[in-house]
Protein backbone atom coordinates (compact mmCIF):
# COMPACT_ATOMS: atom_id res chain seq x y z
CA MET A 1 9.55 -119.09 175.53
CA PRO A 2 7.45 -119.07 172.33
CA ASP A 3 7.96 -122.81 171.65
CA ARG A 4 9.23 -125.81 173.35
CA GLU A 5 13.06 -125.83 173.85
CA THR A 6 15.50 -128.61 173.93
CA LEU A 7 18.66 -128.43 175.97
CA PHE A 8 21.79 -130.36 175.18
CA ILE A 9 23.81 -130.93 178.34
CA THR A 10 27.29 -132.36 178.67
CA GLY A 11 28.82 -133.64 182.00
CA PHE A 12 25.76 -135.63 183.01
CA PRO A 13 25.42 -137.34 185.54
CA GLY A 14 27.89 -135.19 187.40
CA PHE A 15 27.16 -133.48 190.70
CA ILE A 16 26.60 -130.05 189.29
CA ALA A 17 24.94 -131.22 186.04
CA ASN A 18 22.38 -133.33 188.02
CA ARG A 19 21.43 -130.39 190.17
CA LEU A 20 21.18 -127.99 187.18
CA LEU A 21 18.98 -130.48 185.42
CA GLU A 22 16.79 -130.70 188.58
CA ARG A 23 16.35 -126.90 188.39
CA LEU A 24 15.65 -126.87 184.64
CA ALA A 25 13.27 -129.84 184.64
CA CYS A 26 10.44 -127.57 185.71
CA LYS A 27 10.82 -125.31 182.70
CA GLY A 28 8.72 -127.33 180.25
CA CYS A 29 11.77 -128.38 178.09
CA ASP A 30 13.10 -131.58 176.52
CA PHE A 31 16.68 -132.64 177.28
CA ILE A 32 19.33 -134.43 175.40
CA LEU A 33 22.13 -135.60 177.77
CA LEU A 34 25.55 -136.53 176.56
CA VAL A 35 26.67 -139.48 178.79
CA GLN A 36 29.87 -141.57 178.66
CA PRO A 37 29.02 -145.25 177.99
CA SER A 38 30.48 -146.36 181.40
CA LEU A 39 28.05 -143.98 183.19
CA ARG A 40 24.75 -144.91 181.34
CA SER A 41 23.29 -147.03 184.20
CA ARG A 42 23.92 -144.32 186.65
CA ALA A 43 22.40 -141.73 184.27
CA VAL A 44 19.26 -143.75 183.82
CA GLU A 45 18.81 -143.97 187.57
CA GLU A 46 19.22 -140.24 187.88
CA ILE A 47 16.79 -139.64 185.13
CA ARG A 48 14.11 -141.69 186.92
CA ARG A 49 14.72 -139.78 190.11
CA LEU A 50 14.46 -136.39 188.25
CA ALA A 51 11.28 -137.42 186.31
CA GLN A 52 9.60 -138.55 189.51
CA LEU A 53 10.62 -135.32 191.33
CA SER A 54 9.59 -133.00 188.56
CA GLY A 55 6.49 -134.81 187.36
CA LYS A 56 7.95 -135.14 183.81
CA SER A 57 7.94 -138.11 181.65
CA VAL A 58 11.25 -140.12 181.48
CA GLY A 59 10.90 -139.72 177.69
CA ASP A 60 11.52 -135.97 178.08
CA PHE A 61 15.11 -136.91 178.90
CA ARG A 62 17.05 -138.42 175.92
CA ILE A 63 20.45 -140.14 176.60
CA VAL A 64 23.08 -139.99 173.85
CA GLU A 65 26.27 -141.79 174.51
CA GLY A 66 29.47 -140.03 173.59
CA ASP A 67 32.86 -138.47 174.49
CA ILE A 68 33.65 -134.83 174.23
CA SER A 69 37.37 -135.54 173.51
CA GLU A 70 36.52 -137.13 170.23
CA PRO A 71 35.51 -135.42 166.96
CA GLY A 72 31.77 -135.12 166.79
CA LEU A 73 31.62 -136.15 170.43
CA ALA A 74 31.83 -139.74 169.10
CA LEU A 75 27.99 -139.55 168.54
CA THR A 76 26.36 -142.01 166.16
CA ALA A 77 25.00 -140.43 162.93
CA GLU A 78 21.51 -140.74 164.28
CA ASP A 79 22.29 -139.11 167.63
CA LEU A 80 24.28 -136.38 165.96
CA GLU A 81 21.28 -135.52 163.72
CA LEU A 82 19.04 -135.47 166.75
CA VAL A 83 21.33 -132.99 168.57
CA GLN A 84 21.75 -130.81 165.52
CA GLN A 85 18.02 -130.66 164.60
CA GLN A 86 16.47 -130.51 168.16
CA THR A 87 18.82 -128.49 170.29
CA THR A 88 18.08 -124.90 171.03
CA ARG A 89 20.45 -124.32 173.99
CA VAL A 90 23.65 -126.00 175.11
CA PHE A 91 25.11 -126.27 178.65
CA HIS A 92 28.76 -127.54 178.47
CA LEU A 93 29.78 -128.81 181.87
CA ALA A 94 31.86 -131.86 180.99
CA ALA A 95 35.48 -131.37 182.10
CA VAL A 96 38.17 -132.86 184.34
CA TYR A 97 37.78 -131.13 187.66
CA ASP A 98 41.17 -132.13 189.35
CA LEU A 99 43.95 -129.81 190.44
CA ALA A 100 46.44 -132.76 190.00
CA VAL A 101 45.29 -133.65 186.50
CA SER A 102 48.09 -134.53 184.05
CA GLU A 103 48.83 -132.28 181.12
CA ASP A 104 47.83 -134.66 178.38
CA ILE A 105 44.42 -135.43 179.96
CA ALA A 106 43.72 -131.80 180.77
CA MET A 107 44.49 -130.65 177.29
CA ARG A 108 42.67 -133.58 175.59
CA VAL A 109 39.48 -133.29 177.69
CA ASN A 110 39.22 -129.69 178.86
CA VAL A 111 40.69 -127.93 175.78
CA GLY A 112 40.16 -130.39 172.97
CA GLY A 113 36.72 -131.42 174.41
CA THR A 114 35.52 -127.79 174.55
CA ARG A 115 36.80 -127.20 171.01
CA ASN A 116 34.74 -130.20 169.85
CA VAL A 117 31.62 -129.02 171.62
CA VAL A 118 31.94 -125.51 170.15
CA ALA A 119 32.43 -127.02 166.65
CA LEU A 120 29.20 -129.02 167.13
CA ALA A 121 27.34 -125.95 168.44
CA ARG A 122 28.22 -124.20 165.13
CA THR A 123 26.23 -126.85 163.24
CA ILE A 124 23.12 -126.36 165.27
CA PRO A 125 20.76 -124.13 163.17
CA ARG A 126 18.27 -123.23 166.01
CA LEU A 127 20.88 -122.49 168.68
CA ARG A 128 19.66 -119.68 170.97
CA GLN A 129 22.32 -119.79 173.65
CA PHE A 130 25.62 -121.60 174.38
CA HIS A 131 26.45 -121.83 178.11
CA HIS A 132 30.05 -122.73 179.00
CA VAL A 133 30.92 -123.53 182.70
CA SER A 134 34.51 -122.36 183.39
CA THR A 135 36.15 -121.44 186.67
CA CYS A 136 37.44 -118.22 188.41
CA TYR A 137 40.93 -119.91 188.55
CA VAL A 138 41.41 -119.11 184.74
CA ALA A 139 43.12 -116.23 186.46
CA GLY A 140 46.04 -118.55 187.27
CA LYS A 141 48.75 -116.78 189.21
CA ARG A 142 47.45 -113.21 188.75
CA GLU A 143 46.84 -111.26 191.86
CA GLY A 144 44.61 -108.55 192.80
CA VAL A 145 41.06 -107.81 191.52
CA ILE A 146 40.08 -110.16 188.67
CA LEU A 147 37.40 -108.70 186.32
CA GLU A 148 34.87 -110.75 184.43
CA THR A 149 36.04 -109.06 181.25
CA GLU A 150 39.61 -110.31 181.76
CA LEU A 151 40.90 -113.70 180.45
CA ARG A 152 44.17 -113.81 178.59
CA HIS A 153 47.33 -113.15 180.71
CA ASP A 154 50.98 -114.15 180.99
CA ALA A 155 51.09 -114.69 184.83
CA GLY A 156 51.39 -118.36 184.59
CA TYR A 157 49.44 -121.21 186.28
CA ARG A 158 49.83 -123.39 189.40
CA ASN A 159 48.70 -126.51 187.48
CA PHE A 160 47.50 -127.94 184.20
CA TYR A 161 43.83 -127.72 185.39
CA GLU A 162 43.99 -123.88 185.52
CA GLU A 163 45.82 -123.56 182.25
CA SER A 164 43.57 -126.05 180.37
CA LYS A 165 40.34 -124.23 181.68
CA ASN A 166 41.84 -120.88 180.59
CA LEU A 167 42.57 -122.28 177.14
CA ALA A 168 39.13 -123.81 177.01
CA GLU A 169 37.50 -120.56 177.92
CA GLN A 170 39.49 -118.91 175.17
CA GLU A 171 38.03 -121.32 172.66
CA VAL A 172 34.47 -120.21 173.80
CA ASP A 173 35.39 -116.59 174.14
CA SER A 174 36.64 -116.52 170.59
CA ALA A 175 33.33 -117.87 169.43
CA LYS A 176 31.34 -114.97 170.84
CA ASN A 177 31.35 -113.23 167.43
CA ASP A 178 29.24 -116.03 165.78
CA LEU A 179 27.69 -117.99 168.75
CA PRO A 180 25.28 -116.76 171.41
CA VAL A 181 27.76 -117.53 174.28
CA THR A 182 27.43 -117.12 178.06
CA ILE A 183 30.39 -118.08 180.18
CA HIS A 184 29.87 -119.03 183.90
CA ARG A 185 32.97 -118.87 186.17
CA PRO A 186 32.13 -120.36 189.64
CA ALA A 187 34.58 -119.73 192.44
CA VAL A 188 35.33 -122.67 194.89
CA VAL A 189 32.22 -124.77 194.90
CA CYS A 190 31.30 -126.39 198.20
CA GLY A 191 28.21 -128.13 199.69
CA ASP A 192 24.59 -127.16 199.41
CA SER A 193 23.77 -124.27 201.73
CA ARG A 194 20.48 -125.93 202.86
CA SER A 195 21.33 -129.58 203.09
CA GLY A 196 25.17 -129.44 203.37
CA GLU A 197 25.37 -132.19 200.65
CA THR A 198 28.46 -132.29 198.41
CA GLY A 199 29.77 -134.73 195.91
CA LYS A 200 33.59 -134.26 196.62
CA TYR A 201 35.80 -133.34 199.42
CA ASP A 202 38.34 -130.73 198.28
CA GLY A 203 38.78 -127.00 198.76
CA VAL A 204 37.45 -125.87 202.08
CA TYR A 205 36.92 -129.52 203.10
CA TYR A 206 40.66 -130.03 203.58
CA LEU A 207 40.49 -127.39 206.32
CA ILE A 208 37.27 -128.85 207.79
CA HIS A 209 38.67 -132.38 208.03
CA TYR A 210 41.97 -131.05 209.41
CA LEU A 211 40.01 -129.37 212.31
CA LEU A 212 37.78 -132.41 212.87
CA ARG A 213 40.89 -134.58 213.61
CA TRP A 214 41.57 -132.86 217.00
CA PRO A 215 39.41 -129.83 217.26
CA SER A 216 40.02 -128.83 220.82
CA VAL A 217 43.79 -128.64 220.13
CA LEU A 218 44.02 -127.77 216.40
CA SER A 219 41.52 -124.88 216.65
CA GLN A 220 43.81 -123.01 218.93
CA ILE A 221 46.38 -122.10 216.32
CA ASN A 222 44.93 -120.39 213.27
CA ILE A 223 46.78 -121.38 210.12
CA GLY A 224 44.94 -118.86 207.95
CA ASN A 225 45.98 -115.22 207.37
CA HIS A 226 44.30 -111.90 207.03
CA GLU A 227 45.63 -111.03 203.63
CA VAL A 228 44.12 -113.95 201.61
CA SER A 229 40.52 -114.97 200.96
CA LEU A 230 39.09 -118.29 199.80
CA ASN A 231 36.07 -117.44 197.71
CA LEU A 232 33.43 -120.16 198.42
CA VAL A 233 30.08 -120.60 196.71
CA PRO A 234 27.50 -123.22 197.69
CA VAL A 235 26.48 -125.47 194.79
CA ASP A 236 22.90 -124.49 195.05
CA PHE A 237 23.78 -120.86 194.39
CA VAL A 238 25.75 -121.95 191.33
CA VAL A 239 23.10 -124.03 189.78
CA ASP A 240 20.33 -121.55 190.67
CA ALA A 241 22.27 -118.87 188.97
CA MET A 242 22.84 -120.87 185.76
CA ALA A 243 19.23 -122.00 185.64
CA ALA A 244 18.01 -118.42 186.10
CA LEU A 245 20.13 -117.29 183.19
CA ALA A 246 19.46 -120.34 181.02
CA PHE A 247 17.03 -118.36 178.93
CA GLU A 248 18.37 -114.84 179.55
CA GLU A 249 19.12 -112.88 176.40
CA ARG A 250 20.94 -110.22 178.45
CA ALA A 251 23.55 -112.78 179.43
CA ILE A 252 24.54 -113.50 175.82
CA GLY A 253 28.06 -112.32 175.16
CA LYS A 254 28.78 -111.99 178.94
CA THR A 255 31.31 -113.70 181.10
CA LEU A 256 29.85 -114.05 184.61
CA GLN A 257 31.85 -114.76 187.84
CA LEU A 258 29.68 -116.68 190.22
CA ALA A 259 31.58 -115.61 193.32
CA ASP A 260 31.02 -114.32 196.81
CA PRO A 261 31.27 -110.57 196.70
CA ALA A 262 32.41 -110.54 200.30
CA PRO A 263 34.65 -113.55 200.83
CA LEU A 264 36.12 -114.34 204.26
CA SER A 265 39.90 -114.16 204.80
CA THR A 266 41.51 -117.55 205.45
CA ASN A 267 41.91 -116.43 208.96
CA GLN A 268 38.16 -115.73 209.37
CA LEU A 269 37.31 -118.91 207.51
CA PHE A 270 39.36 -120.92 210.01
CA ASN A 271 37.63 -119.23 212.93
CA ALA A 272 34.16 -119.76 211.44
CA ILE A 273 34.81 -123.47 210.97
CA ALA A 274 36.44 -123.88 214.41
CA LYS A 275 33.62 -122.20 216.17
CA SER A 276 31.12 -124.42 214.30
CA ILE A 277 32.97 -127.58 215.24
CA ASP A 278 34.12 -126.88 218.75
CA GLY A 279 32.47 -123.56 219.79
CA HIS A 280 35.81 -121.68 220.04
CA ARG A 281 37.80 -119.42 217.87
CA SER A 282 41.62 -119.56 217.62
CA LYS A 283 43.83 -117.92 220.21
CA ILE A 284 46.90 -117.23 218.07
CA THR A 285 47.76 -117.02 214.43
CA ALA A 286 50.75 -118.65 212.99
CA PRO A 287 52.86 -116.63 210.55
CA ALA A 288 51.81 -117.33 206.95
CA LYS A 289 55.30 -118.06 205.80
CA TRP A 290 55.76 -120.75 208.49
CA VAL A 291 52.43 -122.34 207.62
CA ARG A 292 53.15 -122.51 203.97
CA PHE A 293 56.65 -123.98 204.66
CA PHE A 294 55.29 -126.64 206.94
CA LEU A 295 52.40 -127.58 204.62
CA MET A 296 54.87 -128.15 201.75
CA LEU A 297 57.16 -130.46 203.70
CA PRO A 298 57.00 -134.10 202.37
CA PRO A 299 55.25 -135.57 205.44
CA SER A 300 52.75 -132.73 205.74
CA PRO A 301 49.81 -134.29 203.67
CA ARG A 302 49.87 -137.41 205.97
CA ILE A 303 49.72 -135.13 209.01
CA THR A 304 47.19 -132.54 207.80
CA GLY A 305 45.33 -134.23 205.08
CA LEU A 306 46.03 -131.30 202.78
CA PRO A 307 47.78 -132.42 199.51
CA HIS A 308 50.63 -130.31 198.20
CA HIS A 309 48.69 -129.27 195.04
CA ALA A 310 45.98 -127.66 197.13
CA VAL A 311 48.35 -125.60 199.36
CA PRO A 312 48.66 -122.63 197.04
CA TYR A 313 44.96 -121.96 197.05
CA PHE A 314 45.13 -120.93 200.62
CA PHE A 315 47.68 -118.23 199.72
CA VAL A 316 46.25 -116.79 196.51
CA LYS A 317 45.67 -113.09 196.67
CA GLN A 318 42.81 -112.74 194.29
CA LEU A 319 39.53 -110.97 194.49
CA TYR A 320 36.85 -111.92 191.90
CA ASP A 321 34.70 -109.06 190.77
CA SER A 322 31.16 -110.24 190.08
CA THR A 323 29.47 -106.96 188.99
CA GLN A 324 28.03 -108.42 185.73
CA ALA A 325 26.75 -111.51 187.47
CA GLN A 326 25.12 -109.65 190.35
CA HIS A 327 23.36 -107.30 187.91
CA LEU A 328 21.85 -110.16 185.94
CA LEU A 329 20.94 -112.22 189.05
CA ALA A 330 19.45 -109.51 191.17
CA PRO A 331 16.04 -109.44 189.27
CA HIS A 332 15.80 -113.19 190.02
CA GLY A 333 16.37 -112.69 193.64
CA ILE A 334 19.66 -114.76 193.55
CA HIS A 335 22.46 -113.77 195.77
CA CYS A 336 25.50 -115.75 197.15
CA PRO A 337 24.84 -116.47 200.78
CA PRO A 338 27.61 -115.63 203.32
CA PHE A 339 29.69 -118.65 204.45
CA GLU A 340 28.65 -118.24 208.06
CA SER A 341 25.06 -118.78 207.18
CA TYR A 342 25.59 -122.36 206.08
CA VAL A 343 28.94 -123.51 207.64
CA ASP A 344 27.06 -125.49 210.20
CA ARG A 345 25.35 -127.56 207.51
CA ILE A 346 28.38 -128.46 205.46
CA ILE A 347 30.23 -129.42 208.52
CA ALA A 348 27.29 -131.62 209.79
CA PHE A 349 27.29 -133.33 206.34
CA ALA A 350 31.11 -133.89 206.56
CA LYS A 351 30.69 -135.39 210.03
CA THR A 352 27.95 -137.78 209.06
CA HIS A 353 29.65 -138.71 205.68
CA PRO A 354 33.39 -139.13 206.48
CA HIS A 355 33.87 -140.85 203.13
CA LEU A 356 32.33 -140.17 199.79
């Protein structure tokens, strides 16, 4: 880097944003962090931790209060000028990550918020790269192989989260002609592959907590199937990948799927978790149609812990191609670790932290 850079990051102090900032803090940059007013005290505490960990000054991290869903991100005139004059790279992580989000909130925050951040980016004269964090589930109800170059489709969506993230990515994708855009699409993010730590129990954790209820019995009948995979990526892989490409000119104009190139089928996933918890694999596999029917019955969430809105994700026949991402990450030595290599750690964390 020929001169000192300033990174403007939205979504702080969120679980992924915190970890990304931890990786970037050693790069010799300054940071402007967009924080909701209600989260300011938590953000200040996190900055102190990061400053001590990285050896940087607290003054290298500047908090600006705002809201992406408002025009100009609801920044004061002074803070808006600071962002415009100092920023060289943007990381847009702020969004509602909730499969059960209502339509109005999803459209206001995920779509409108992204539109507002893009509009601000266009007013930054020294902008060198705009990073947008999307999701592989912009594919909605599409089936088969999903390419990194594909976005728009008419297959429909399972929920407003998927639809809003697709529309948000369209906002950013349309700006590739006049902004230096890089889009990151993580698959299903789970805990850290080294510590097991996570900030939220969803996705694969529904299956983990289901088996933890009565492992010796529930592990006998596999409720997964051989035709569908659940693409899992540990949070450290995701943030390592984004940090490695933070200053990568070859990533400009690209959409990168941060996914496991060899994901386990849900049947294999069930067995990997069951073996880690109880030392045994399943003896029989329940028919997929029966499993889905049972999981969608009204009392099922109370019995299994799996909410109805999460059920379809264990039956989605999608494979996420990550050719472009692998090509750019290989020189940095970054690869998605196989689930079996860290399953013990995320289960150990779930056991010792039953509630988050």
